[in-house]
C-alpha atoms as a PDB file:
ATOM      1  CA  MET A   1      -6.171 -20.418  -4.821  1.00  0.00           C
ATOM      2  CA  PRO A   2      -6.721 -18.950  -8.294  1.00  0.00           C
ATOM      3  CA  PRO A   3      -3.451 -17.939 -10.012  1.00  0.00           C
ATOM      4  CA  LEU A   4      -4.630 -14.317 -10.265  1.00  0.00           C
ATOM      5  CA  ILE A   5      -5.012 -14.034  -6.476  1.00  0.00           C
ATOM      6  CA  LEU A   6      -1.594 -15.609  -5.904  1.00  0.00           C
ATOM      7  CA  ALA A   7       0.020 -13.262  -8.430  1.00  0.00           C
ATOM      8  CA  CYS A   8      -1.610 -10.217  -6.810  1.00  0.00           C
ATOM      9  CA  LEU A   9      -0.481 -11.344  -3.357  1.00  0.00           C
ATOM     10  CA  ALA A  10       3.071 -11.794  -4.623  1.00  0.00           C
ATOM     11  CA  ALA A  11       2.999  -8.286  -6.117  1.00  0.00           C
ATOM     12  CA  THR A  12       1.796  -6.557  -2.940  1.00  0.00           C
ATOM     13  CA  TRP A  13       4.076  -8.600  -0.685  1.00  0.00           C
ATOM     14  CA  VAL A  14       7.332  -8.382  -2.640  1.00  0.00           C
ATOM     15  CA  ILE A  15       7.045  -5.057  -4.488  1.00  0.00           C
ATOM     16  CA  TRP A  16       5.564  -3.042  -1.646  1.00  0.00           C
ATOM     17  CA  GLY A  17       8.136  -4.618   0.667  1.00  0.00           C
ATOM     18  CA  SER A  18      10.795  -2.724  -1.288  1.00  0.00           C
ATOM     19  CA  THR A  19       8.976   0.572  -1.865  1.00  0.00           C
ATOM     20  CA  TYR A  20       9.654   2.042   1.598  1.00  0.00           C
ATOM     21  CA  LEU A  21      13.365   2.118   0.805  1.00  0.00           C
ATOM     22  CA  ALA A  22      12.686   3.383  -2.731  1.00  0.00           C
ATOM     23  CA  ILE A  23      10.580   6.270  -1.356  1.00  0.00           C
ATOM     24  CA  LYS A  24      13.438   7.273   0.946  1.00  0.00           C
ATOM     25  CA  TRP A  25      15.930   7.208  -1.918  1.00  0.00           C
ATOM     26  CA  ALA A  26      13.607   9.240  -4.139  1.00  0.00           C
ATOM     27  CA  LEU A  27      13.103  11.879  -1.407  1.00  0.00           C
ATOM     28  CA  VAL A  28      16.665  13.054  -2.044  1.00  0.00           C
ATOM     29  CA  SER A  29      15.503  14.811  -5.251  1.00  0.00           C
ATOM     30  CA  PHE A  30      11.694  14.586  -5.181  1.00  0.00           C
ATOM     31  CA  PRO A  31       9.747  16.149  -2.251  1.00  0.00           C
ATOM     32  CA  PRO A  32       7.077  13.849  -0.764  1.00  0.00           C
ATOM     33  CA  TYR A  33       3.817  15.148  -2.244  1.00  0.00           C
ATOM     34  CA  PHE A  34       5.361  15.896  -5.631  1.00  0.00           C
ATOM     35  CA  GLN A  35       7.011  12.471  -5.670  1.00  0.00           C
ATOM     36  CA  ILE A  36       3.851  10.510  -4.909  1.00  0.00           C
ATOM     37  CA  GLY A  37       1.531  12.743  -6.913  1.00  0.00           C
ATOM     38  CA  SER A  38       3.629  12.773 -10.086  1.00  0.00           C
ATOM     39  CA  ARG A  39       4.120   9.020 -10.195  1.00  0.00           C
ATOM     40  CA  PHE A  40       0.468   8.184  -9.538  1.00  0.00           C
ATOM     41  CA  PHE A  41      -0.802  10.807 -11.991  1.00  0.00           C
ATOM     42  CA  LEU A  42       1.478   9.533 -14.760  1.00  0.00           C
ATOM     43  CA  ALA A  43       0.597   5.924 -13.884  1.00  0.00           C
ATOM     44  CA  GLY A  44      -3.092   6.851 -14.173  1.00  0.00           C
ATOM     45  CA  VAL A  45      -2.545   8.420 -17.590  1.00  0.00           C
ATOM     46  CA  LEU A  46      -0.693   5.340 -18.861  1.00  0.00           C
ATOM     47  CA  LEU A  47      -3.236   2.897 -17.417  1.00  0.00           C
ATOM     48  CA  LEU A  48      -6.210   4.857 -18.763  1.00  0.00           C
ATOM     49  CA  ALA A  49      -4.631   4.949 -22.236  1.00  0.00           C
ATOM     50  CA  TYR A  50      -4.086   1.189 -22.065  1.00  0.00           C
ATOM     51  CA  SER A  51      -7.663   0.610 -20.906  1.00  0.00           C
ATOM     52  CA  ARG A  52      -9.165   2.706 -23.696  1.00  0.00           C
ATOM     53  CA  LEU A  53      -6.881   1.846 -26.625  1.00  0.00           C
ATOM     54  CA  ILE A  54      -6.079  -1.823 -25.939  1.00  0.00           C
ATOM     55  CA  ARG A  55      -8.912  -3.158 -23.778  1.00  0.00           C
ATOM     56  CA  ARG A  56     -11.584  -0.852 -25.226  1.00  0.00           C
ATOM     57  CA  GLU A  57     -13.066  -0.115 -21.799  1.00  0.00           C
ATOM     58  CA  ARG A  58     -15.513   2.755 -21.394  1.00  0.00           C
ATOM     59  CA  LEU A  59     -14.645   5.986 -19.613  1.00  0.00           C
ATOM     60  CA  PRO A  60     -15.939   6.436 -16.037  1.00  0.00           C
ATOM     61  CA  THR A  61     -19.257   8.186 -15.540  1.00  0.00           C
ATOM     62  CA  ALA A  62     -19.470  11.481 -13.632  1.00  0.00           C
ATOM     63  CA  LEU A  63     -20.465   9.576 -10.474  1.00  0.00           C
ATOM     64  CA  GLU A  64     -17.548   7.168 -10.881  1.00  0.00           C
ATOM     65  CA  TRP A  65     -15.131  10.097 -11.317  1.00  0.00           C
ATOM     66  CA  ARG A  66     -16.485  11.565  -8.067  1.00  0.00           C
ATOM     67  CA  ASN A  67     -15.975   8.243  -6.306  1.00  0.00           C
ATOM     68  CA  ALA A  68     -12.459   8.014  -7.738  1.00  0.00           C
ATOM     69  CA  LEU A  69     -11.689  11.438  -6.286  1.00  0.00           C
ATOM     70  CA  PHE A  70     -12.969  10.477  -2.824  1.00  0.00           C
ATOM     71  CA  VAL A  71     -11.086   7.165  -2.775  1.00  0.00           C
ATOM     72  CA  GLY A  72      -7.952   8.662  -4.333  1.00  0.00           C
ATOM     73  CA  VAL A  73      -7.773  11.399  -1.713  1.00  0.00           C
ATOM     74  CA  LEU A  74      -8.153   8.881   1.126  1.00  0.00           C
ATOM     75  CA  MET A  75      -5.827   6.158  -0.157  1.00  0.00           C
ATOM     76  CA  LEU A  76      -3.234   8.030  -2.210  1.00  0.00           C
ATOM     77  CA  ALA A  77      -3.184  11.592  -0.867  1.00  0.00           C
ATOM     78  CA  ALA A  78      -3.709  10.795   2.818  1.00  0.00           C
ATOM     79  CA  GLY A  79      -2.356   7.234   2.835  1.00  0.00           C
ATOM     80  CA  THR A  80       0.659   7.051   0.532  1.00  0.00           C
ATOM     81  CA  GLY A  81       1.353  10.785   0.571  1.00  0.00           C
ATOM     82  CA  GLY A  82       1.153  10.907   4.361  1.00  0.00           C
ATOM     83  CA  CYS A  83       3.548   7.979   4.656  1.00  0.00           C
ATOM     84  CA  ALA A  84       6.071   9.667   2.332  1.00  0.00           C
ATOM     85  CA  PHE A  85       5.776  12.919   4.295  1.00  0.00           C
ATOM     86  CA  ALA A  86       6.256  11.067   7.580  1.00  0.00           C
ATOM     87  CA  GLU A  87       9.368   9.219   6.370  1.00  0.00           C
ATOM     88  CA  GLN A  88      11.237  12.547   6.396  1.00  0.00           C
ATOM     89  CA  THR A  89      11.073  12.794  10.189  1.00  0.00           C
ATOM     90  CA  ILE A  90      10.027   9.349  11.469  1.00  0.00           C
ATOM     91  CA  GLY A  91      12.137   6.245  11.931  1.00  0.00           C
ATOM     92  CA  SER A  92      11.377   3.071  10.000  1.00  0.00           C
ATOM     93  CA  GLY A  93      10.299   1.182  13.122  1.00  0.00           C
ATOM     94  CA  ILE A  94       7.373   3.523  13.769  1.00  0.00           C
ATOM     95  CA  VAL A  95       6.299   3.434  10.111  1.00  0.00           C
ATOM     96  CA  VAL A  96       6.241  -0.377  10.180  1.00  0.00           C
ATOM     97  CA  ALA A  97       4.238  -0.378  13.424  1.00  0.00           C
ATOM     98  CA  PHE A  98       1.576   1.967  12.017  1.00  0.00           C
ATOM     99  CA  VAL A  99       1.253   0.172   8.688  1.00  0.00           C
ATOM    100  CA  ALA A 100       0.963  -3.201  10.427  1.00  0.00           C
ATOM    101  CA  VAL A 101      -2.274  -2.016  12.066  1.00  0.00           C
ATOM    102  CA  VAL A 102      -3.996  -1.578   8.660  1.00  0.00           C
ATOM    103  CA  PRO A 103      -5.654  -5.066   8.553  1.00  0.00           C
ATOM    104  CA  LEU A 104      -7.271  -4.513  11.940  1.00  0.00           C
ATOM    105  CA  LEU A 105      -8.412  -1.005  10.952  1.00  0.00           C
ATOM    106  CA  VAL A 106      -9.945  -2.371   7.746  1.00  0.00           C
ATOM    107  CA  SER A 107     -11.816  -4.978   9.793  1.00  0.00           C
ATOM    108  CA  VAL A 108     -13.119  -2.264  12.117  1.00  0.00           C
ATOM    109  CA  VAL A 109     -14.381  -0.137   9.204  1.00  0.00           C
ATOM    110  CA  ASN A 110     -15.999  -3.230   7.679  1.00  0.00           C
ATOM    111  CA  LEU A 111     -18.024  -3.713  10.855  1.00  0.00           C
ATOM    112  CA  PHE A 112     -20.074  -0.628   9.933  1.00  0.00           C
ATOM    113  CA  PHE A 113     -21.171  -2.516   6.807  1.00  0.00           C
ATOM    114  CA  GLY A 114     -22.066  -5.706   8.671  1.00  0.00           C
ATOM    115  CA  VAL A 115     -18.917  -7.593   7.587  1.00  0.00           C
ATOM    116  CA  ARG A 116     -17.267  -9.445  10.444  1.00  0.00           C
ATOM    117  CA  PRO A 117     -13.947 -11.265  10.174  1.00  0.00           C
ATOM    118  CA  ARG A 118     -13.839 -14.939  11.116  1.00  0.00           C
ATOM    119  CA  ARG A 119     -12.084 -15.949  14.306  1.00  0.00           C
ATOM    120  CA  ILE A 120      -9.225 -17.561  12.436  1.00  0.00           C
ATOM    121  CA  GLU A 121      -8.739 -14.346  10.438  1.00  0.00           C
ATOM    122  CA  VAL A 122      -8.559 -12.330  13.661  1.00  0.00           C
ATOM    123  CA  VAL A 123      -5.984 -14.757  15.073  1.00  0.00           C
ATOM    124  CA  ALA A 124      -3.960 -14.552  11.860  1.00  0.00           C
ATOM    125  CA  MET A 125      -4.010 -10.744  11.866  1.00  0.00           C
ATOM    126  CA  VAL A 126      -2.942 -10.589  15.512  1.00  0.00           C
ATOM    127  CA  LEU A 127      -0.062 -13.001  14.827  1.00  0.00           C
ATOM    128  CA  GLY A 128       1.057 -10.971  11.827  1.00  0.00           C
ATOM    129  CA  LEU A 129       0.806  -7.676  13.728  1.00  0.00           C
ATOM    130  CA  ALA A 130       2.788  -9.077  16.660  1.00  0.00           C
ATOM    131  CA  GLY A 131       5.463 -10.390  14.315  1.00  0.00           C
ATOM    132  CA  ALA A 132       5.758  -7.058  12.481  1.00  0.00           C
ATOM    133  CA  LEU A 133       6.089  -5.183  15.780  1.00  0.00           C
ATOM    134  CA  LEU A 134       8.751  -7.620  17.001  1.00  0.00           C
ATOM    135  CA  LEU A 135      10.623  -7.245  13.727  1.00  0.00           C
ATOM    136  CA  SER A 136      10.634  -3.448  14.042  1.00  0.00           C
ATOM    137  CA  ARG A 137      11.973  -3.584  17.606  1.00  0.00           C
ATOM    138  CA  GLY A 138      15.445  -2.138  17.819  1.00  0.00           C
ATOM    139  CA  THR A 139      15.108  -0.044  14.651  1.00  0.00           C
ATOM    140  CA  GLU A 140      15.271   3.735  14.674  1.00  0.00           C
ATOM    141  CA  LEU A 141      12.285   5.174  16.530  1.00  0.00           C
ATOM    142  CA  ARG A 142      12.770   8.939  16.042  1.00  0.00           C
ATOM    143  CA  ALA A 143       9.559  10.855  15.419  1.00  0.00           C
ATOM    144  CA  SER A 144       8.097  14.345  15.087  1.00  0.00           C
ATOM    145  CA  PRO A 145       4.562  15.553  15.923  1.00  0.00           C
ATOM    146  CA  ALA A 146       3.886  16.506  12.290  1.00  0.00           C
ATOM    147  CA  GLY A 147       5.177  13.162  11.041  1.00  0.00           C
ATOM    148  CA  LEU A 148       3.106  11.221  13.568  1.00  0.00           C
ATOM    149  CA  ALA A 149      -0.028  13.200  12.642  1.00  0.00           C
ATOM    150  CA  ALA A 150       0.523  12.554   8.911  1.00  0.00           C
ATOM    151  CA  LEU A 151       1.126   8.849   9.528  1.00  0.00           C
ATOM    152  CA  THR A 152      -1.951   8.516  11.756  1.00  0.00           C
ATOM    153  CA  LEU A 153      -4.263  10.242   9.293  1.00  0.00           C
ATOM    154  CA  GLY A 154      -2.679   8.352   6.412  1.00  0.00           C
ATOM    155  CA  THR A 155      -3.202   4.957   8.017  1.00  0.00           C
ATOM    156  CA  ILE A 156      -6.835   5.720   8.795  1.00  0.00           C
ATOM    157  CA  GLY A 157      -7.382   7.171   5.312  1.00  0.00           C
ATOM    158  CA  TRP A 158      -5.900   4.126   3.582  1.00  0.00           C
ATOM    159  CA  ALA A 159      -8.041   1.712   5.624  1.00  0.00           C
ATOM    160  CA  ALA A 160     -11.225   3.738   5.107  1.00  0.00           C
ATOM    161  CA  GLY A 161     -10.590   4.159   1.382  1.00  0.00           C
ATOM    162  CA  SER A 162      -9.903   0.444   0.966  1.00  0.00           C
ATOM    163  CA  VAL A 163     -13.313  -0.441   2.408  1.00  0.00           C
ATOM    164  CA  LEU A 164     -15.363   2.405   0.914  1.00  0.00           C
ATOM    165  CA  SER A 165     -14.055   1.689  -2.598  1.00  0.00           C
ATOM    166  CA  GLN A 166     -15.797  -1.687  -2.362  1.00  0.00           C
ATOM    167  CA  ARG A 167     -18.800  -0.892  -0.149  1.00  0.00           C
ATOM    168  CA  ARG A 168     -19.996   2.583  -1.106  1.00  0.00           C
ATOM    169  CA  TRP A 169     -17.887   4.571  -3.587  1.00  0.00           C
ATOM    170  CA  ARG A 170     -17.735   2.112  -6.462  1.00  0.00           C
ATOM    171  CA  LEU A 171     -15.146   2.770  -9.155  1.00  0.00           C
ATOM    172  CA  ALA A 172     -15.555   2.148 -12.873  1.00  0.00           C
ATOM    173  CA  PRO A 173     -15.165  -1.538 -13.765  1.00  0.00           C
ATOM    174  CA  GLY A 174     -11.798  -2.974 -14.751  1.00  0.00           C
ATOM    175  CA  SER A 175      -8.507  -1.145 -14.987  1.00  0.00           C
ATOM    176  CA  THR A 176     -10.297   2.099 -15.912  1.00  0.00           C
ATOM    177  CA  GLY A 177     -11.435   2.379 -12.305  1.00  0.00           C
ATOM    178  CA  TYR A 178      -7.902   2.001 -10.960  1.00  0.00           C
ATOM    179  CA  ALA A 179      -6.651   4.538 -13.519  1.00  0.00           C
ATOM    180  CA  SER A 180      -9.278   7.112 -12.528  1.00  0.00           C
ATOM    181  CA  GLU A 181      -8.381   6.707  -8.857  1.00  0.00           C
ATOM    182  CA  MET A 182      -4.672   7.218  -9.612  1.00  0.00           C
ATOM    183  CA  LEU A 183      -5.425  10.274 -11.765  1.00  0.00           C
ATOM    184  CA  CYS A 184      -7.615  11.919  -9.120  1.00  0.00           C
ATOM    185  CA  GLY A 185      -5.370  11.069  -6.179  1.00  0.00           C
ATOM    186  CA  GLY A 186      -2.239  12.080  -8.074  1.00  0.00           C
ATOM    187  CA  ALA A 187      -3.745  15.392  -9.216  1.00  0.00           C
ATOM    188  CA  PHE A 188      -4.836  16.202  -5.647  1.00  0.00           C
ATOM    189  CA  LEU A 189      -1.301  15.497  -4.400  1.00  0.00           C
ATOM    190  CA  LEU A 190       0.238  17.707  -7.090  1.00  0.00           C
ATOM    191  CA  VAL A 191      -2.048  20.552  -5.983  1.00  0.00           C
ATOM    192  CA  LEU A 192      -0.861  20.028  -2.388  1.00  0.00           C
ATOM    193  CA  ALA A 193       2.737  20.025  -3.625  1.00  0.00           C
ATOM    194  CA  GLY A 194       2.133  23.370  -5.350  1.00  0.00           C
ATOM    195  CA  ILE A 195       0.541  24.867  -2.231  1.00  0.00           C
ATOM    196  CA  ARG A 196       3.509  23.727  -0.134  1.00  0.00           C
ATOM    197  CA  GLY A 197       5.945  25.075  -2.717  1.00  0.00           C
ATOM    198  CA  GLU A 198       7.586  21.720  -3.360  1.00  0.00           C
ATOM    199  CA  VAL A 199      10.128  21.894  -6.180  1.00  0.00           C
ATOM    200  CA  PRO A 200      12.039  18.809  -7.355  1.00  0.00           C
ATOM    201  CA  GLN A 201      15.807  18.983  -7.633  1.00  0.00           C
ATOM    202  CA  TRP A 202      17.007  19.285 -11.228  1.00  0.00           C
ATOM    203  CA  PRO A 203      18.856  17.405 -12.449  1.00  0.00           C
ATOM    204  CA  PRO A 204      17.839  14.703  -9.958  1.00  0.00           C
ATOM    205  CA  GLU A 205      20.291  12.343  -8.352  1.00  0.00           C
ATOM    206  CA  PRO A 206      20.602   9.161 -10.485  1.00  0.00           C
ATOM    207  CA  LEU A 207      19.529   6.896  -7.617  1.00  0.00           C
ATOM    208  CA  ALA A 208      16.547   9.146  -6.825  1.00  0.00           C
ATOM    209  CA  LEU A 209      15.436   9.151 -10.462  1.00  0.00           C
ATOM    210  CA  ALA A 210      15.793   5.370 -10.754  1.00  0.00           C
ATOM    211  CA  SER A 211      13.794   4.964  -7.533  1.00  0.00           C
ATOM    212  CA  TRP A 212      11.037   7.237  -8.881  1.00  0.00           C
ATOM    213  CA  PHE A 213      10.739   5.161 -12.072  1.00  0.00           C
ATOM    214  CA  TYR A 214      10.665   1.962 -10.008  1.00  0.00           C
ATOM    215  CA  LEU A 215       7.857   3.394  -7.888  1.00  0.00           C
ATOM    216  CA  LEU A 216       5.973   4.497 -11.011  1.00  0.00           C
ATOM    217  CA  THR A 217       6.092   1.153 -12.803  1.00  0.00           C
ATOM    218  CA  PHE A 218       6.124  -1.458 -10.061  1.00  0.00           C
ATOM    219  CA  GLY A 219       4.800   0.420  -7.021  1.00  0.00           C
ATOM    220  CA  SER A 220       1.895   2.153  -8.817  1.00  0.00           C
ATOM    221  CA  LEU A 221       1.037   0.358 -12.059  1.00  0.00           C
ATOM    222  CA  VAL A 222       1.663  -3.204 -10.845  1.00  0.00           C
ATOM    223  CA  ALA A 223       1.337  -3.432  -7.057  1.00  0.00           C
ATOM    224  CA  PHE A 224      -1.416  -0.854  -6.518  1.00  0.00           C
ATOM    225  CA  SER A 225      -3.557  -2.370  -9.267  1.00  0.00           C
ATOM    226  CA  ALA A 226      -2.949  -5.800  -7.729  1.00  0.00           C
ATOM    227  CA  TYR A 227      -4.113  -4.511  -4.340  1.00  0.00           C
ATOM    228  CA  MET A 228      -7.348  -3.170  -5.805  1.00  0.00           C
ATOM    229  CA  VAL A 229      -7.973  -6.567  -7.434  1.00  0.00           C
ATOM    230  CA  LEU A 230      -7.448  -8.261  -4.063  1.00  0.00           C
ATOM    231  CA  LEU A 231      -9.893  -5.907  -2.357  1.00  0.00           C
ATOM    232  CA  ALA A 232     -12.537  -6.886  -4.910  1.00  0.00           C
ATOM    233  CA  ARG A 233     -11.883 -10.644  -4.997  1.00  0.00           C
ATOM    234  CA  ALA A 234     -10.357 -11.715  -1.655  1.00  0.00           C
ATOM    235  CA  PRO A 235     -11.186 -11.283   2.039  1.00  0.00           C
ATOM    236  CA  ALA A 236      -9.963  -7.969   3.456  1.00  0.00           C
ATOM    237  CA  SER A 237      -7.685  -9.769   5.902  1.00  0.00           C
ATOM    238  CA  LEU A 238      -5.865 -11.472   3.018  1.00  0.00           C
ATOM    239  CA  ALA A 239      -5.786  -8.362   0.814  1.00  0.00           C
ATOM    240  CA  THR A 240      -4.148  -6.327   3.590  1.00  0.00           C
ATOM    241  CA  SER A 241      -1.707  -9.057   4.645  1.00  0.00           C
ATOM    242  CA  TYR A 242       1.037  -7.122   2.838  1.00  0.00           C
ATOM    243  CA  SER A 243       1.225  -4.815   5.863  1.00  0.00           C
ATOM    244  CA  PHE A 244       2.930  -7.387   8.053  1.00  0.00           C
ATOM    245  CA  VAL A 245       4.654  -9.313   5.247  1.00  0.00           C
ATOM    246  CA  ASN A 246       6.407  -6.196   3.893  1.00  0.00           C
ATOM    247  CA  PRO A 247       8.780  -5.878   6.893  1.00  0.00           C
ATOM    248  CA  LEU A 248       9.780  -9.503   6.367  1.00  0.00           C
ATOM    249  CA  ILE A 249      10.466  -8.859   2.672  1.00  0.00           C
ATOM    250  CA  GLY A 250      12.457  -5.765   3.598  1.00  0.00           C
ATOM    251  CA  LEU A 251      14.535  -7.817   6.019  1.00  0.00           C
ATOM    252  CA  LEU A 252      15.250 -10.488   3.401  1.00  0.00           C
ATOM    253  CA  LEU A 253      16.230  -7.836   0.841  1.00  0.00           C
ATOM    254  CA  GLY A 254      18.593  -6.277   3.366  1.00  0.00           C
ATOM    255  CA  VAL A 255      20.245  -9.644   3.995  1.00  0.00           C
ATOM    256  CA  THR A 256      20.628 -10.579   0.328  1.00  0.00           C
ATOM    257  CA  LEU A 257      21.399  -7.158  -1.198  1.00  0.00           C
ATOM    258  CA  ASP A 258      22.928  -5.084   1.588  1.00  0.00           C
ATOM    259  CA  GLY A 259      24.869  -7.622   3.642  1.00  0.00           C
ATOM    260  CA  GLU A 260      22.726  -7.258   6.752  1.00  0.00           C
ATOM    261  CA  THR A 261      22.512 -10.009   9.347  1.00  0.00           C
ATOM    262  CA  ILE A 262      19.449 -11.418  11.116  1.00  0.00           C
ATOM    263  CA  ARG A 263      19.514 -11.287  14.901  1.00  0.00           C
ATOM    264  CA  PRO A 264      18.232 -14.317  16.864  1.00  0.00           C
ATOM    265  CA  GLY A 265      15.124 -12.458  18.041  1.00  0.00           C
ATOM    266  CA  GLU A 266      14.195 -11.585  14.457  1.00  0.00           C
ATOM    267  CA  TRP A 267      13.837 -15.287  13.576  1.00  0.00           C
ATOM    268  CA  PHE A 268      11.128 -15.467  16.250  1.00  0.00           C
ATOM    269  CA  ALA A 269       9.322 -12.505  14.653  1.00  0.00           C
ATOM    270  CA  VAL A 270       9.613 -14.146  11.227  1.00  0.00           C
ATOM    271  CA  ALA A 271       7.951 -17.285  12.611  1.00  0.00           C
ATOM    272  CA  TRP A 272       5.015 -15.242  13.961  1.00  0.00           C
ATOM    273  CA  ILE A 273       4.516 -13.477  10.612  1.00  0.00           C
ATOM    274  CA  LEU A 274       4.697 -16.699   8.612  1.00  0.00           C
ATOM    275  CA  SER A 275       2.230 -18.420  10.937  1.00  0.00           C
ATOM    276  CA  GLY A 276      -0.283 -15.593  10.430  1.00  0.00           C
ATOM    277  CA  VAL A 277       0.159 -15.738   6.657  1.00  0.00           C
ATOM    278  CA  PHE A 278      -0.236 -19.514   6.682  1.00  0.00           C
ATOM    279  CA  LEU A 279      -3.536 -19.248   8.567  1.00  0.00           C
ATOM    280  CA  LEU A 280      -4.889 -16.710   6.079  1.00  0.00           C
ATOM    281  CA  LEU A 281      -3.896 -18.810   3.070  1.00  0.00           C
ATOM    282  CA  TRP A 282      -5.172 -22.001   4.683  1.00  0.00           C
ATOM    283  CA  GLN A 283      -8.531 -20.405   5.517  1.00  0.00           C
ATOM    284  CA  ARG A 284      -8.848 -19.080   1.962  1.00  0.00           C
ATOM    285  CA  GLY A 285      -8.178 -22.530   0.536  1.00  0.00           C
ATOM    286  CA  ARG A 286     -10.854 -24.140   2.747  1.00  0.00           C
ATOM    287  CA  GLU A 287     -13.664 -21.782   1.649  1.00  0.00           C
ATOM    288  CA  PRO A 288     -16.219 -23.528  -0.610  1.00  0.00           C
ATOM    289  CA  GLY A 289     -15.660 -22.686  -4.239  1.00  0.00           C
ATOM    290  CA  ARG A 290     -12.395 -20.870  -3.455  1.00  0.00           C
ATOM    291  CA  ALA A 291      -9.879 -23.609  -4.097  1.00  0.00           C
ATOM    292  CA  ALA A 292      -7.964 -23.414  -7.351  1.00  0.00           C
END
């Protein structure tokens, strides 16, 4: 595959595999909507400045700003913001289970636009989903009605926004489009934070502040931009493969950085996830004109 696609896959797999833990650490000092909104808004400002001053890209039109608002509300406010809100009252196992459904939801939304996944892509997504669910088995499964509602709406919003950003609500070309989406979604989240009366702790805990900066730079500027590139240049099943690879990355980080151990049943789940990923990569490499 082209190096750009491989680099974007690596970013969404590895970086987003670590952001769930970073969001939890940041919640100690930064409430959910303020945390997500502030980092995406600042990331949008930085990316827009880079696009204008360095790459000399044009500003979005009025229609493209409207589209950025629609997509930003669905993906960032409902999707990422809902996930952060849910993590306050929902165990990690349930979060993983919901997020792992994203590829199938994206495929369902794509059906309304006449885009059908290939059989091998469906098999790969089912394998990855099954592996992610097996990997989350035995983790904490506490939940609250409000957290479940936020996670449900967030998952649907993220899937719908992912498809509509490519099929109907087109963003401005290049990094300017990603910047406008971050600005609109981040601003909407900051308004929600103000309505809810969210106030960050000051001074913040050092670990919470470091986590917020990590989420700003790697989670927003790098990984989110990489995901938008994948949506535009790769099949939806491959672009959303992060959702069942992230639990695997989280497991590996826990083993290497936190001294955790892998139970025998988890090796079986790892094999299912890797087999689904292999099928997606193999199918991508076999498409005419797609090989590197």
